[in-house]
Amino acid sequence: FIALLYNIKNHCSKSFLITLAVLPAAVQMVIMLVNGNLGAGVA
């Protein structure tokens, strides 16, 4: 949704749109793996 709406009024590369589309899932996975571990969070 973020990628599609950004592409409506902006000129950008396909690579950037793909980045916007997959970035939330990538960050979500990192947060799930950290799961309150302070050392892992700092890393």
ModelCIF file with pLDDT and N, C-alpha, C, O atoms, coordinates in Angstrom:
data_MODEL
#
_entry.id   MODEL 
#
_entity.id                         1 
_entity.type                       polymer 
_entity.pdbx_number_of_molecules   1 
#
_entity_poly.entity_id                      1 
_entity_poly.type                           'polypeptide(L)' 
_entity_poly.nstd_linkage                   no 
_entity_poly.nstd_monomer                   no 
_entity_poly.pdbx_seq_one_letter_code       FIALLYNIKNHCSKSFLITLAVLPAAVQMVIMLVNGNLGAGVA 
_entity_poly.pdbx_seq_one_letter_code_can   FIALLYNIKNHCSKSFLITLAVLPAAVQMVIMLVNGNLGAGVA 
_entity_poly.pdbx_strand_id                 A 
#
loop_
_entity_poly_seq.entity_id 
_entity_poly_seq.num 
_entity_poly_seq.mon_id 
_entity_poly_seq.hetero 
1 1  PHE n 
1 2  ILE n 
1 3  ALA n 
1 4  LEU n 
1 5  LEU n 
1 6  TYR n 
1 7  ASN n 
1 8  ILE n 
1 9  LYS n 
1 10 ASN n 
1 11 HIS n 
1 12 CYS n 
1 13 SER n 
1 14 LYS n 
1 15 SER n 
1 16 PHE n 
1 17 LEU n 
1 18 ILE n 
1 19 THR n 
1 20 LEU n 
1 21 ALA n 
1 22 VAL n 
1 23 LEU n 
1 24 PRO n 
1 25 ALA n 
1 26 ALA n 
1 27 VAL n 
1 28 GLN n 
1 29 MET n 
1 30 VAL n 
1 31 ILE n 
1 32 MET n 
1 33 LEU n 
1 34 VAL n 
1 35 ASN n 
1 36 GLY n 
1 37 ASN n 
1 38 LEU n 
1 39 GLY n 
1 40 ALA n 
1 41 GLY n 
1 42 VAL n 
1 43 ALA n 
#
_struct_asym.id          A 
_struct_asym.entity_id   1 
#
loop_
_ma_qa_metric.id 
_ma_qa_metric.mode 
_ma_qa_metric.name 
_ma_qa_metric.software_group_id 
_ma_qa_metric.type 
1 global pLDDT . pLDDT 
2 local  pLDDT . pLDDT 
#
_ma_qa_metric_global.metric_id      1 
_ma_qa_metric_global.metric_value   82.81 
_ma_qa_metric_global.model_id       1 
_ma_qa_metric_global.ordinal_id     1 
#
loop_
_ma_qa_metric_local.label_asym_id 
_ma_qa_metric_local.label_comp_id 
_ma_qa_metric_local.label_seq_id 
_ma_qa_metric_local.metric_id 
_ma_qa_metric_local.metric_value 
_ma_qa_metric_local.model_id 
_ma_qa_metric_local.ordinal_id 
A PHE 1  2 94.00 1 1  
A ILE 2  2 94.00 1 2  
A ALA 3  2 93.00 1 3  
A LEU 4  2 93.00 1 4  
A LEU 5  2 91.00 1 5  
A TYR 6  2 91.00 1 6  
A ASN 7  2 90.00 1 7  
A ILE 8  2 89.00 1 8  
A LYS 9  2 82.00 1 9  
A ASN 10 2 84.00 1 10 
A HIS 11 2 81.00 1 11 
A CYS 12 2 82.00 1 12 
A SER 13 2 85.00 1 13 
A LYS 14 2 88.00 1 14 
A SER 15 2 88.00 1 15 
A PHE 16 2 88.00 1 16 
A LEU 17 2 91.00 1 17 
A ILE 18 2 92.00 1 18 
A THR 19 2 89.00 1 19 
A LEU 20 2 90.00 1 20 
A ALA 21 2 93.00 1 21 
A VAL 22 2 93.00 1 22 
A LEU 23 2 90.00 1 23 
A PRO 24 2 92.00 1 24 
A ALA 25 2 92.00 1 25 
A ALA 26 2 88.00 1 26 
A VAL 27 2 87.00 1 27 
A GLN 28 2 88.00 1 28 
A MET 29 2 87.00 1 29 
A VAL 30 2 83.00 1 30 
A ILE 31 2 84.00 1 31 
A MET 32 2 84.00 1 32 
A LEU 33 2 79.00 1 33 
A VAL 34 2 79.00 1 34 
A ASN 35 2 72.00 1 35 
A GLY 36 2 57.00 1 36 
A ASN 37 2 63.00 1 37 
A LEU 38 2 57.00 1 38 
A GLY 39 2 63.00 1 39 
A ALA 40 2 64.00 1 40 
A GLY 41 2 62.00 1 41 
A VAL 42 2 64.00 1 42 
A ALA 43 2 65.00 1 43 
#
loop_
_atom_site.group_PDB 
_atom_site.id 
_atom_site.type_symbol 
_atom_site.label_atom_id 
_atom_site.label_alt_id 
_atom_site.label_comp_id 
_atom_site.label_asym_id 
_atom_site.label_entity_id 
_atom_site.label_seq_id 
_atom_site.pdbx_PDB_ins_code 
_atom_site.Cartn_x 
_atom_site.Cartn_y 
_atom_site.Cartn_z 
_atom_site.occupancy 
_atom_site.B_iso_or_equiv 
_atom_site.pdbx_formal_charge 
_atom_site.auth_seq_id 
_atom_site.auth_comp_id 
_atom_site.auth_asym_id 
_atom_site.auth_atom_id 
_atom_site.pdbx_PDB_model_num 
ATOM 1   N N  . PHE A 1 1  ? 0.839  -1.211  0.000   1.00 94.00 ? 1  PHE A N  1 
ATOM 2   C CA . PHE A 1 1  ? 0.000  0.000   0.000   1.00 94.00 ? 1  PHE A CA 1 
ATOM 3   C C  . PHE A 1 1  ? 0.868  1.253   0.000   1.00 94.00 ? 1  PHE A C  1 
ATOM 4   O O  . PHE A 1 1  ? 0.596  2.200   -0.738  1.00 94.00 ? 1  PHE A O  1 
ATOM 5   N N  . ILE A 1 2  ? 1.907  1.258   0.823   1.00 94.00 ? 2  ILE A N  1 
ATOM 6   C CA . ILE A 1 2  ? 2.823  2.407   0.869   1.00 94.00 ? 2  ILE A CA 1 
ATOM 7   C C  . ILE A 1 2  ? 3.482  2.614   -0.491  1.00 94.00 ? 2  ILE A C  1 
ATOM 8   O O  . ILE A 1 2  ? 3.561  3.740   -0.983  1.00 94.00 ? 2  ILE A O  1 
ATOM 9   N N  . ALA A 1 3  ? 3.957  1.523   -1.098  1.00 93.00 ? 3  ALA A N  1 
ATOM 10  C CA . ALA A 1 3  ? 4.646  1.615   -2.388  1.00 93.00 ? 3  ALA A CA 1 
ATOM 11  C C  . ALA A 1 3  ? 3.711  2.109   -3.489  1.00 93.00 ? 3  ALA A C  1 
ATOM 12  O O  . ALA A 1 3  ? 4.098  2.946   -4.305  1.00 93.00 ? 3  ALA A O  1 
ATOM 13  N N  . LEU A 1 4  ? 2.481  1.594   -3.515  1.00 93.00 ? 4  LEU A N  1 
ATOM 14  C CA . LEU A 1 4  ? 1.544  1.969   -4.566  1.00 93.00 ? 4  LEU A CA 1 
ATOM 15  C C  . LEU A 1 4  ? 1.140  3.442   -4.469  1.00 93.00 ? 4  LEU A C  1 
ATOM 16  O O  . LEU A 1 4  ? 1.094  4.141   -5.481  1.00 93.00 ? 4  LEU A O  1 
ATOM 17  N N  . LEU A 1 5  ? 0.849  3.910   -3.263  1.00 91.00 ? 5  LEU A N  1 
ATOM 18  C CA . LEU A 1 5  ? 0.458  5.309   -3.118  1.00 91.00 ? 5  LEU A CA 1 
ATOM 19  C C  . LEU A 1 5  ? 1.633  6.249   -3.360  1.00 91.00 ? 5  LEU A C  1 
ATOM 20  O O  . LEU A 1 5  ? 1.451  7.349   -3.880  1.00 91.00 ? 5  LEU A O  1 
ATOM 21  N N  . TYR A 1 6  ? 2.835  5.823   -2.987  1.00 91.00 ? 6  TYR A N  1 
ATOM 22  C CA . TYR A 1 6  ? 4.005  6.666   -3.244  1.00 91.00 ? 6  TYR A CA 1 
ATOM 23  C C  . TYR A 1 6  ? 4.249  6.808   -4.742  1.00 91.00 ? 6  TYR A C  1 
ATOM 24  O O  . TYR A 1 6  ? 4.696  7.857   -5.206  1.00 91.00 ? 6  TYR A O  1 
ATOM 25  N N  . ASN A 1 7  ? 3.955  5.759   -5.493  1.00 90.00 ? 7  ASN A N  1 
ATOM 26  C CA . ASN A 1 7  ? 4.230  5.757   -6.931  1.00 90.00 ? 7  ASN A CA 1 
ATOM 27  C C  . ASN A 1 7  ? 3.235  6.607   -7.719  1.00 90.00 ? 7  ASN A C  1 
ATOM 28  O O  . ASN A 1 7  ? 3.473  6.892   -8.892  1.00 90.00 ? 7  ASN A O  1 
ATOM 29  N N  . ILE A 1 8  ? 2.130  7.016   -7.102  1.00 89.00 ? 8  ILE A N  1 
ATOM 30  C CA . ILE A 1 8  ? 1.104  7.757   -7.832  1.00 89.00 ? 8  ILE A CA 1 
ATOM 31  C C  . ILE A 1 8  ? 1.597  9.138   -8.261  1.00 89.00 ? 8  ILE A C  1 
ATOM 32  O O  . ILE A 1 8  ? 1.383  9.542   -9.404  1.00 89.00 ? 8  ILE A O  1 
ATOM 33  N N  . LYS A 1 9  ? 2.255  9.864   -7.358  1.00 82.00 ? 9  LYS A N  1 
ATOM 34  C CA . LYS A 1 9  ? 2.656  11.238  -7.660  1.00 82.00 ? 9  LYS A CA 1 
ATOM 35  C C  . LYS A 1 9  ? 4.165  11.444  -7.619  1.00 82.00 ? 9  LYS A C  1 
ATOM 36  O O  . LYS A 1 9  ? 4.633  12.582  -7.578  1.00 82.00 ? 9  LYS A O  1 
ATOM 37  N N  . ASN A 1 10 ? 4.936  10.346  -7.628  1.00 84.00 ? 10 ASN A N  1 
ATOM 38  C CA . ASN A 1 10 ? 6.384  10.469  -7.547  1.00 84.00 ? 10 ASN A CA 1 
ATOM 39  C C  . ASN A 1 10 ? 7.047  9.612   -8.614  1.00 84.00 ? 10 ASN A C  1 
ATOM 40  O O  . ASN A 1 10 ? 6.549  8.544   -8.971  1.00 84.00 ? 10 ASN A O  1 
ATOM 41  N N  . HIS A 1 11 ? 8.168  10.090  -9.112  1.00 81.00 ? 11 HIS A N  1 
ATOM 42  C CA . HIS A 1 11 ? 8.965  9.315   -10.046 1.00 81.00 ? 11 HIS A CA 1 
ATOM 43  C C  . HIS A 1 11 ? 10.076 8.619   -9.257  1.00 81.00 ? 11 HIS A C  1 
ATOM 44  O O  . HIS A 1 11 ? 10.895 9.283   -8.622  1.00 81.00 ? 11 HIS A O  1 
ATOM 45  N N  . CYS A 1 12 ? 10.104 7.314   -9.295  1.00 82.00 ? 12 CYS A N  1 
ATOM 46  C CA . CYS A 1 12 ? 11.103 6.570   -8.545  1.00 82.00 ? 12 CYS A CA 1 
ATOM 47  C C  . CYS A 1 12 ? 11.413 5.272   -9.274  1.00 82.00 ? 12 CYS A C  1 
ATOM 48  O O  . CYS A 1 12 ? 10.708 4.881   -10.204 1.00 82.00 ? 12 CYS A O  1 
ATOM 49  N N  . SER A 1 13 ? 12.470 4.615   -8.838  1.00 85.00 ? 13 SER A N  1 
ATOM 50  C CA . SER A 1 13 ? 12.891 3.384   -9.488  1.00 85.00 ? 13 SER A CA 1 
ATOM 51  C C  . SER A 1 13 ? 12.071 2.193   -8.981  1.00 85.00 ? 13 SER A C  1 
ATOM 52  O O  . SER A 1 13 ? 11.466 2.243   -7.910  1.00 85.00 ? 13 SER A O  1 
ATOM 53  N N  . LYS A 1 14 ? 12.069 1.136   -9.770  1.00 88.00 ? 14 LYS A N  1 
ATOM 54  C CA . LYS A 1 14 ? 11.405 -0.093  -9.363  1.00 88.00 ? 14 LYS A CA 1 
ATOM 55  C C  . LYS A 1 14 ? 12.055 -0.666  -8.106  1.00 88.00 ? 14 LYS A C  1 
ATOM 56  O O  . LYS A 1 14 ? 11.379 -1.227  -7.245  1.00 88.00 ? 14 LYS A O  1 
ATOM 57  N N  . SER A 1 15 ? 13.373 -0.517  -8.014  1.00 88.00 ? 15 SER A N  1 
ATOM 58  C CA . SER A 1 15 ? 14.100 -1.014  -6.843  1.00 88.00 ? 15 SER A CA 1 
ATOM 59  C C  . SER A 1 15 ? 13.608 -0.344  -5.561  1.00 88.00 ? 15 SER A C  1 
ATOM 60  O O  . SER A 1 15 ? 13.456 -1.007  -4.535  1.00 88.00 ? 15 SER A O  1 
ATOM 61  N N  . PHE A 1 16 ? 13.357 0.975   -5.614  1.00 88.00 ? 16 PHE A N  1 
ATOM 62  C CA . PHE A 1 16 ? 12.891 1.683   -4.420  1.00 88.00 ? 16 PHE A CA 1 
ATOM 63  C C  . PHE A 1 16 ? 11.503 1.230   -4.018  1.00 88.00 ? 16 PHE A C  1 
ATOM 64  O O  . PHE A 1 16 ? 11.225 1.072   -2.829  1.00 88.00 ? 16 PHE A O  1 
ATOM 65  N N  . LEU A 1 17 ? 10.614 1.014   -5.002  1.00 91.00 ? 17 LEU A N  1 
ATOM 66  C CA . LEU A 1 17 ? 9.270  0.543   -4.693  1.00 91.00 ? 17 LEU A CA 1 
ATOM 67  C C  . LEU A 1 17 ? 9.297  -0.844  -4.062  1.00 91.00 ? 17 LEU A C  1 
ATOM 68  O O  . LEU A 1 17 ? 8.548  -1.121  -3.124  1.00 91.00 ? 17 LEU A O  1 
ATOM 69  N N  . ILE A 1 18 ? 10.162 -1.716  -4.580  1.00 92.00 ? 18 ILE A N  1 
ATOM 70  C CA . ILE A 1 18 ? 10.295 -3.053  -3.990  1.00 92.00 ? 18 ILE A CA 1 
ATOM 71  C C  . ILE A 1 18 ? 10.792 -2.948  -2.553  1.00 92.00 ? 18 ILE A C  1 
ATOM 72  O O  . ILE A 1 18 ? 10.343 -3.682  -1.672  1.00 92.00 ? 18 ILE A O  1 
ATOM 73  N N  . THR A 1 19 ? 11.732 -2.021  -2.328  1.00 89.00 ? 19 THR A N  1 
ATOM 74  C CA . THR A 1 19 ? 12.250 -1.817  -0.974  1.00 89.00 ? 19 THR A CA 1 
ATOM 75  C C  . THR A 1 19 ? 11.143 -1.401  -0.019  1.00 89.00 ? 19 THR A C  1 
ATOM 76  O O  . THR A 1 19 ? 11.045 -1.929  1.089   1.00 89.00 ? 19 THR A O  1 
ATOM 77  N N  . LEU A 1 20 ? 10.303 -0.450  -0.446  1.00 90.00 ? 20 LEU A N  1 
ATOM 78  C CA . LEU A 1 20 ? 9.190  -0.023  0.406   1.00 90.00 ? 20 LEU A CA 1 
ATOM 79  C C  . LEU A 1 20 ? 8.229  -1.164  0.684   1.00 90.00 ? 20 LEU A C  1 
ATOM 80  O O  . LEU A 1 20 ? 7.681  -1.262  1.782   1.00 90.00 ? 20 LEU A O  1 
ATOM 81  N N  . ALA A 1 21 ? 8.016  -2.041  -0.314  1.00 93.00 ? 21 ALA A N  1 
ATOM 82  C CA . ALA A 1 21 ? 7.051  -3.126  -0.155  1.00 93.00 ? 21 ALA A CA 1 
ATOM 83  C C  . ALA A 1 21 ? 7.527  -4.191  0.833   1.00 93.00 ? 21 ALA A C  1 
ATOM 84  O O  . ALA A 1 21 ? 6.724  -4.733  1.593   1.00 93.00 ? 21 ALA A O  1 
ATOM 85  N N  . VAL A 1 22 ? 8.823  -4.492  0.826   1.00 93.00 ? 22 VAL A N  1 
ATOM 86  C CA . VAL A 1 22 ? 9.327  -5.601  1.661   1.00 93.00 ? 22 VAL A CA 1 
ATOM 87  C C  . VAL A 1 22 ? 9.914  -5.138  2.980   1.00 93.00 ? 22 VAL A C  1 
ATOM 88  O O  . VAL A 1 22 ? 10.113 -5.950  3.883   1.00 93.00 ? 22 VAL A O  1 
ATOM 89  N N  . LEU A 1 23 ? 10.198 -3.832  3.112   1.00 90.00 ? 23 LEU A N  1 
ATOM 90  C CA . LEU A 1 23 ? 10.850 -3.349  4.336   1.00 90.00 ? 23 LEU A CA 1 
ATOM 91  C C  . LEU A 1 23 ? 10.028 -3.601  5.600   1.00 90.00 ? 23 LEU A C  1 
ATOM 92  O O  . LEU A 1 23 ? 10.606 -4.027  6.600   1.00 90.00 ? 23 LEU A O  1 
ATOM 93  N N  . PRO A 1 24 ? 8.708  -3.364  5.615   1.00 92.00 ? 24 PRO A N  1 
ATOM 94  C CA . PRO A 1 24 ? 7.960  -3.651  6.846   1.00 92.00 ? 24 PRO A CA 1 
ATOM 95  C C  . PRO A 1 24 ? 8.077  -5.106  7.296   1.00 92.00 ? 24 PRO A C  1 
ATOM 96  O O  . PRO A 1 24 ? 8.219  -5.379  8.488   1.00 92.00 ? 24 PRO A O  1 
ATOM 97  N N  . ALA A 1 25 ? 8.018  -6.049  6.335   1.00 92.00 ? 25 ALA A N  1 
ATOM 98  C CA . ALA A 1 25 ? 8.133  -7.462  6.702   1.00 92.00 ? 25 ALA A CA 1 
ATOM 99  C C  . ALA A 1 25 ? 9.525  -7.781  7.238   1.00 92.00 ? 25 ALA A C  1 
ATOM 100 O O  . ALA A 1 25 ? 9.665  -8.574  8.169   1.00 92.00 ? 25 ALA A O  1 
ATOM 101 N N  . ALA A 1 26 ? 10.552 -7.170  6.659   1.00 88.00 ? 26 ALA A N  1 
ATOM 102 C CA . ALA A 1 26 ? 11.915 -7.415  7.125   1.00 88.00 ? 26 ALA A CA 1 
ATOM 103 C C  . ALA A 1 26 ? 12.120 -6.888  8.545   1.00 88.00 ? 26 ALA A C  1 
ATOM 104 O O  . ALA A 1 26 ? 12.701 -7.573  9.386   1.00 88.00 ? 26 ALA A O  1 
ATOM 105 N N  . VAL A 1 27 ? 11.644 -5.673  8.808   1.00 87.00 ? 27 VAL A N  1 
ATOM 106 C CA . VAL A 1 27 ? 11.775 -5.102  10.151  1.00 87.00 ? 27 VAL A CA 1 
ATOM 107 C C  . VAL A 1 27 ? 10.950 -5.898  11.150  1.00 87.00 ? 27 VAL A C  1 
ATOM 108 O O  . VAL A 1 27 ? 11.385 -6.131  12.278  1.00 87.00 ? 27 VAL A O  1 
ATOM 109 N N  . GLN A 1 28 ? 9.755  -6.317  10.733  1.00 88.00 ? 28 GLN A N  1 
ATOM 110 C CA . GLN A 1 28 ? 8.896  -7.119  11.604  1.00 88.00 ? 28 GLN A CA 1 
ATOM 111 C C  . GLN A 1 28 ? 9.606  -8.404  12.038  1.00 88.00 ? 28 GLN A C  1 
ATOM 112 O O  . GLN A 1 28 ? 9.540  -8.790  13.205  1.00 88.00 ? 28 GLN A O  1 
ATOM 113 N N  . MET A 1 29 ? 10.280 -9.061  11.100  1.00 87.00 ? 29 MET A N  1 
ATOM 114 C CA . MET A 1 29 ? 10.980 -10.302 11.419  1.00 87.00 ? 29 MET A CA 1 
ATOM 115 C C  . MET A 1 29 ? 12.102 -10.060 12.419  1.00 87.00 ? 29 MET A C  1 
ATOM 116 O O  . MET A 1 29 ? 12.320 -10.854 13.334  1.00 87.00 ? 29 MET A O  1 
ATOM 117 N N  . VAL A 1 30 ? 12.808 -8.951  12.230  1.00 83.00 ? 30 VAL A N  1 
ATOM 118 C CA . VAL A 1 30 ? 13.898 -8.626  13.164  1.00 83.00 ? 30 VAL A CA 1 
ATOM 119 C C  . VAL A 1 30 ? 13.350 -8.409  14.570  1.00 83.00 ? 30 VAL A C  1 
ATOM 120 O O  . VAL A 1 30 ? 13.921 -8.902  15.542  1.00 83.00 ? 30 VAL A O  1 
ATOM 121 N N  . ILE A 1 31 ? 12.246 -7.674  14.682  1.00 84.00 ? 31 ILE A N  1 
ATOM 122 C CA . ILE A 1 31 ? 11.662 -7.388  15.998  1.00 84.00 ? 31 ILE A CA 1 
ATOM 123 C C  . ILE A 1 31 ? 11.186 -8.684  16.656  1.00 84.00 ? 31 ILE A C  1 
ATOM 124 O O  . ILE A 1 31 ? 11.338 -8.863  17.865  1.00 84.00 ? 31 ILE A O  1 
ATOM 125 N N  . MET A 1 32 ? 10.615 -9.576  15.866  1.00 84.00 ? 32 MET A N  1 
ATOM 126 C CA . MET A 1 32 ? 10.167 -10.856 16.419  1.00 84.00 ? 32 MET A CA 1 
ATOM 127 C C  . MET A 1 32 ? 11.337 -11.679 16.944  1.00 84.00 ? 32 MET A C  1 
ATOM 128 O O  . MET A 1 32 ? 11.232 -12.320 17.989  1.00 84.00 ? 32 MET A O  1 
ATOM 129 N N  . LEU A 1 33 ? 12.443 -11.660 16.223  1.00 79.00 ? 33 LEU A N  1 
ATOM 130 C CA . LEU A 1 33 ? 13.598 -12.443 16.640  1.00 79.00 ? 33 LEU A CA 1 
ATOM 131 C C  . LEU A 1 33 ? 14.267 -11.854 17.874  1.00 79.00 ? 33 LEU A C  1 
ATOM 132 O O  . LEU A 1 33 ? 14.760 -12.593 18.726  1.00 79.00 ? 33 LEU A O  1 
ATOM 133 N N  . VAL A 1 34 ? 14.286 -10.525 17.976  1.00 79.00 ? 34 VAL A N  1 
ATOM 134 C CA . VAL A 1 34 ? 14.875 -9.893  19.158  1.00 79.00 ? 34 VAL A CA 1 
ATOM 135 C C  . VAL A 1 34 ? 14.054 -10.244 20.395  1.00 79.00 ? 34 VAL A C  1 
ATOM 136 O O  . VAL A 1 34 ? 14.592 -10.730 21.390  1.00 79.00 ? 34 VAL A O  1 
ATOM 137 N N  . ASN A 1 35 ? 12.735 -9.992  20.326  1.00 72.00 ? 35 ASN A N  1 
ATOM 138 C CA . ASN A 1 35 ? 11.782 -10.434 21.360  1.00 72.00 ? 35 ASN A CA 1 
ATOM 139 C C  . ASN A 1 35 ? 12.247 -10.113 22.772  1.00 72.00 ? 35 ASN A C  1 
ATOM 140 O O  . ASN A 1 35 ? 12.260 -10.985 23.641  1.00 72.00 ? 35 ASN A O  1 
ATOM 141 N N  . GLY A 1 36 ? 12.629 -8.856  22.997  1.00 57.00 ? 36 GLY A N  1 
ATOM 142 C CA . GLY A 1 36 ? 12.979 -8.437  24.343  1.00 57.00 ? 36 GLY A CA 1 
ATOM 143 C C  . GLY A 1 36 ? 14.410 -8.702  24.754  1.00 57.00 ? 36 GLY A C  1 
ATOM 144 O O  . GLY A 1 36 ? 14.804 -8.329  25.859  1.00 57.00 ? 36 GLY A O  1 
ATOM 145 N N  . ASN A 1 37 ? 15.203 -9.334  23.903  1.00 63.00 ? 37 ASN A N  1 
ATOM 146 C CA . ASN A 1 37 ? 16.599 -9.606  24.224  1.00 63.00 ? 37 ASN A CA 1 
ATOM 147 C C  . ASN A 1 37 ? 17.409 -8.334  24.026  1.00 63.00 ? 37 ASN A C  1 
ATOM 148 O O  . ASN A 1 37 ? 17.556 -7.868  22.897  1.00 63.00 ? 37 ASN A O  1 
ATOM 149 N N  . LEU A 1 38 ? 17.940 -7.760  25.112  1.00 57.00 ? 38 LEU A N  1 
ATOM 150 C CA . LEU A 1 38 ? 18.646 -6.488  25.045  1.00 57.00 ? 38 LEU A CA 1 
ATOM 151 C C  . LEU A 1 38 ? 19.909 -6.600  24.196  1.00 57.00 ? 38 LEU A C  1 
ATOM 152 O O  . LEU A 1 38 ? 20.186 -5.722  23.379  1.00 57.00 ? 38 LEU A O  1 
ATOM 153 N N  . GLY A 1 39 ? 20.668 -7.664  24.383  1.00 63.00 ? 39 GLY A N  1 
ATOM 154 C CA . GLY A 1 39 ? 21.899 -7.831  23.618  1.00 63.00 ? 39 GLY A CA 1 
ATOM 155 C C  . GLY A 1 39 ? 21.637 -7.944  22.127  1.00 63.00 ? 39 GLY A C  1 
ATOM 156 O O  . GLY A 1 39 ? 22.343 -7.348  21.314  1.00 63.00 ? 39 GLY A O  1 
ATOM 157 N N  . ALA A 1 40 ? 20.620 -8.709  21.778  1.00 64.00 ? 40 ALA A N  1 
ATOM 158 C CA . ALA A 1 40 ? 20.268 -8.857  20.370  1.00 64.00 ? 40 ALA A CA 1 
ATOM 159 C C  . ALA A 1 40 ? 19.771 -7.534  19.795  1.00 64.00 ? 40 ALA A C  1 
ATOM 160 O O  . ALA A 1 40 ? 20.037 -7.212  18.637  1.00 64.00 ? 40 ALA A O  1 
ATOM 161 N N  . GLY A 1 41 ? 19.046 -6.770  20.614  1.00 62.00 ? 41 GLY A N  1 
ATOM 162 C CA . GLY A 1 41 ? 18.552 -5.473  20.156  1.00 62.00 ? 41 GLY A CA 1 
ATOM 163 C C  . GLY A 1 41 ? 19.679 -4.507  19.840  1.00 62.00 ? 41 GLY A C  1 
ATOM 164 O O  . GLY A 1 41 ? 19.629 -3.795  18.837  1.00 62.00 ? 41 GLY A O  1 
ATOM 165 N N  . VAL A 1 42 ? 20.698 -4.480  20.695  1.00 64.00 ? 42 VAL A N  1 
ATOM 166 C CA . VAL A 1 42 ? 21.854 -3.607  20.447  1.00 64.00 ? 42 VAL A CA 1 
ATOM 167 C C  . VAL A 1 42 ? 22.589 -4.033  19.181  1.00 64.00 ? 42 VAL A C  1 
ATOM 168 O O  . VAL A 1 42 ? 23.019 -3.190  18.394  1.00 64.00 ? 42 VAL A O  1 
ATOM 169 N N  . ALA A 1 43 ? 22.734 -5.350  18.986  1.00 65.00 ? 43 ALA A N  1 
ATOM 170 C CA . ALA A 1 43 ? 23.405 -5.854  17.786  1.00 65.00 ? 43 ALA A CA 1 
ATOM 171 C C  . ALA A 1 43 ? 22.637 -5.494  16.516  1.00 65.00 ? 43 ALA A C  1 
ATOM 172 O O  . ALA A 1 43 ? 23.065 -5.843  15.416  1.00 65.00 ? 43 ALA A O  1 
#
